[in-house]
Amino acid sequence: MAKEEVASPDSKQQEMLEHLQKRLDLLDERLDNIDSIVTVVTERIMKQPITITFTCPKCGGNVEIALVGVEKPRR
């Protein structure tokens, strides 16, 4: 019979650390993407008004949210 190689505790810890590092890298990438989106939306709001309209699922009434900002002059 062939002997099965048993992973040492050090190699298991190394694998867990590599997996954790990959997950942290993915989280960092997602946070960067969210930051980019928020920045673009904020810049747009500061340049012109945005209106969001939706219908309430309970009462059927329309709800309108207006976001208005003033862009600071650049020197």
C-alpha atoms as a PDB file:
ATOM      1  CA  MET A   1       0.000   0.000   0.000  1.00  0.00           C
ATOM      2  CA  ALA A   2       1.107   3.534  -0.700  1.00  0.00           C
ATOM      3  CA  LYS A   3       1.575   5.832   2.226  1.00  0.00           C
ATOM      4  CA  GLU A   4      -0.645   8.881   2.263  1.00  0.00           C
ATOM      5  CA  GLU A   5       1.165  12.091   2.942  1.00  0.00           C
ATOM      6  CA  VAL A   6      -0.170  13.797   6.017  1.00  0.00           C
ATOM      7  CA  ALA A   7      -0.017  17.560   5.910  1.00  0.00           C
ATOM      8  CA  SER A   8       1.908  19.015   8.775  1.00  0.00           C
ATOM      9  CA  PRO A   9       0.294  21.615  11.007  1.00  0.00           C
ATOM     10  CA  ASP A  10       2.684  24.207   9.579  1.00  0.00           C
ATOM     11  CA  SER A  11       1.540  23.576   6.009  1.00  0.00           C
ATOM     12  CA  LYS A  12      -2.123  23.735   7.057  1.00  0.00           C
ATOM     13  CA  GLN A  13      -1.496  27.053   8.754  1.00  0.00           C
ATOM     14  CA  GLN A  14       0.322  28.284   5.661  1.00  0.00           C
ATOM     15  CA  GLU A  15      -2.635  27.285   3.468  1.00  0.00           C
ATOM     16  CA  MET A  16      -5.042  29.035   5.823  1.00  0.00           C
ATOM     17  CA  LEU A  17      -2.898  32.184   5.769  1.00  0.00           C
ATOM     18  CA  GLU A  18      -2.760  32.144   1.961  1.00  0.00           C
ATOM     19  CA  HIS A  19      -6.533  31.698   1.790  1.00  0.00           C
ATOM     20  CA  LEU A  20      -7.026  34.544   4.258  1.00  0.00           C
ATOM     21  CA  GLN A  21      -4.667  36.747   2.238  1.00  0.00           C
ATOM     22  CA  LYS A  22      -6.660  36.068  -0.956  1.00  0.00           C
ATOM     23  CA  ARG A  23      -9.911  36.951   0.813  1.00  0.00           C
ATOM     24  CA  LEU A  24      -8.414  40.162   2.194  1.00  0.00           C
ATOM     25  CA  ASP A  25      -7.198  41.092  -1.287  1.00  0.00           C
ATOM     26  CA  LEU A  26     -10.714  40.544  -2.679  1.00  0.00           C
ATOM     27  CA  LEU A  27     -12.219  42.645   0.111  1.00  0.00           C
ATOM     28  CA  ASP A  28      -9.706  45.410  -0.560  1.00  0.00           C
ATOM     29  CA  GLU A  29     -10.581  45.356  -4.263  1.00  0.00           C
ATOM     30  CA  ARG A  30     -14.310  45.537  -3.504  1.00  0.00           C
ATOM     31  CA  LEU A  31     -13.804  48.454  -1.115  1.00  0.00           C
ATOM     32  CA  ASP A  32     -11.790  50.267  -3.786  1.00  0.00           C
ATOM     33  CA  ASN A  33     -14.633  49.736  -6.266  1.00  0.00           C
ATOM     34  CA  ILE A  34     -17.206  51.037  -3.776  1.00  0.00           C
ATOM     35  CA  ASP A  35     -15.013  54.066  -3.082  1.00  0.00           C
ATOM     36  CA  SER A  36     -14.776  54.795  -6.811  1.00  0.00           C
ATOM     37  CA  ILE A  37     -18.544  54.583  -7.266  1.00  0.00           C
ATOM     38  CA  VAL A  38     -19.273  56.810  -4.268  1.00  0.00           C
ATOM     39  CA  THR A  39     -16.733  59.354  -5.505  1.00  0.00           C
ATOM     40  CA  VAL A  40     -18.290  59.493  -8.978  1.00  0.00           C
ATOM     41  CA  VAL A  41     -21.812  59.863  -7.572  1.00  0.00           C
ATOM     42  CA  THR A  42     -20.680  62.573  -5.167  1.00  0.00           C
ATOM     43  CA  GLU A  43     -18.955  64.506  -7.940  1.00  0.00           C
ATOM     44  CA  ARG A  44     -22.098  64.291 -10.040  1.00  0.00           C
ATOM     45  CA  ILE A  45     -24.289  65.477  -7.180  1.00  0.00           C
ATOM     46  CA  MET A  46     -22.003  68.417  -6.573  1.00  0.00           C
ATOM     47  CA  LYS A  47     -22.308  69.479 -10.223  1.00  0.00           C
ATOM     48  CA  GLN A  48     -26.045  69.064 -10.787  1.00  0.00           C
ATOM     49  CA  PRO A  49     -29.179  68.036  -8.918  1.00  0.00           C
ATOM     50  CA  ILE A  50     -30.298  64.401  -8.864  1.00  0.00           C
ATOM     51  CA  THR A  51     -33.876  63.284  -8.286  1.00  0.00           C
ATOM     52  CA  ILE A  52     -34.762  59.751  -7.213  1.00  0.00           C
ATOM     53  CA  THR A  53     -38.402  58.733  -7.536  1.00  0.00           C
ATOM     54  CA  PHE A  54     -39.916  55.443  -6.422  1.00  0.00           C
ATOM     55  CA  THR A  55     -43.328  54.037  -5.589  1.00  0.00           C
ATOM     56  CA  CYS A  56     -44.121  52.864  -2.067  1.00  0.00           C
ATOM     57  CA  PRO A  57     -44.990  49.143  -2.196  1.00  0.00           C
ATOM     58  CA  LYS A  58     -47.502  49.471   0.677  1.00  0.00           C
ATOM     59  CA  CYS A  59     -49.504  52.595  -0.139  1.00  0.00           C
ATOM     60  CA  GLY A  60     -48.688  53.028  -3.842  1.00  0.00           C
ATOM     61  CA  GLY A  61     -47.688  56.659  -3.317  1.00  0.00           C
ATOM     62  CA  ASN A  62     -44.796  58.210  -5.168  1.00  0.00           C
ATOM     63  CA  VAL A  63     -41.789  59.235  -3.102  1.00  0.00           C
ATOM     64  CA  GLU A  64     -39.372  61.742  -4.561  1.00  0.00           C
ATOM     65  CA  ILE A  65     -35.940  62.484  -3.119  1.00  0.00           C
ATOM     66  CA  ALA A  66     -34.000  65.420  -4.529  1.00  0.00           C
ATOM     67  CA  LEU A  67     -30.281  65.786  -3.879  1.00  0.00           C
ATOM     68  CA  VAL A  68     -28.869  69.194  -4.610  1.00  0.00           C
ATOM     69  CA  GLY A  69     -25.299  70.324  -4.086  1.00  0.00           C
ATOM     70  CA  VAL A  70     -23.158  73.273  -4.973  1.00  0.00           C
ATOM     71  CA  GLU A  71     -19.741  72.643  -6.403  1.00  0.00           C
ATOM     72  CA  LYS A  72     -17.040  74.668  -4.665  1.00  0.00           C
ATOM     73  CA  PRO A  73     -15.097  76.940  -7.006  1.00  0.00           C
ATOM     74  CA  ARG A  74     -11.620  75.692  -7.766  1.00  0.00           C
ATOM     75  CA  ARG A  75      -8.722  78.088  -7.606  1.00  0.00           C
END
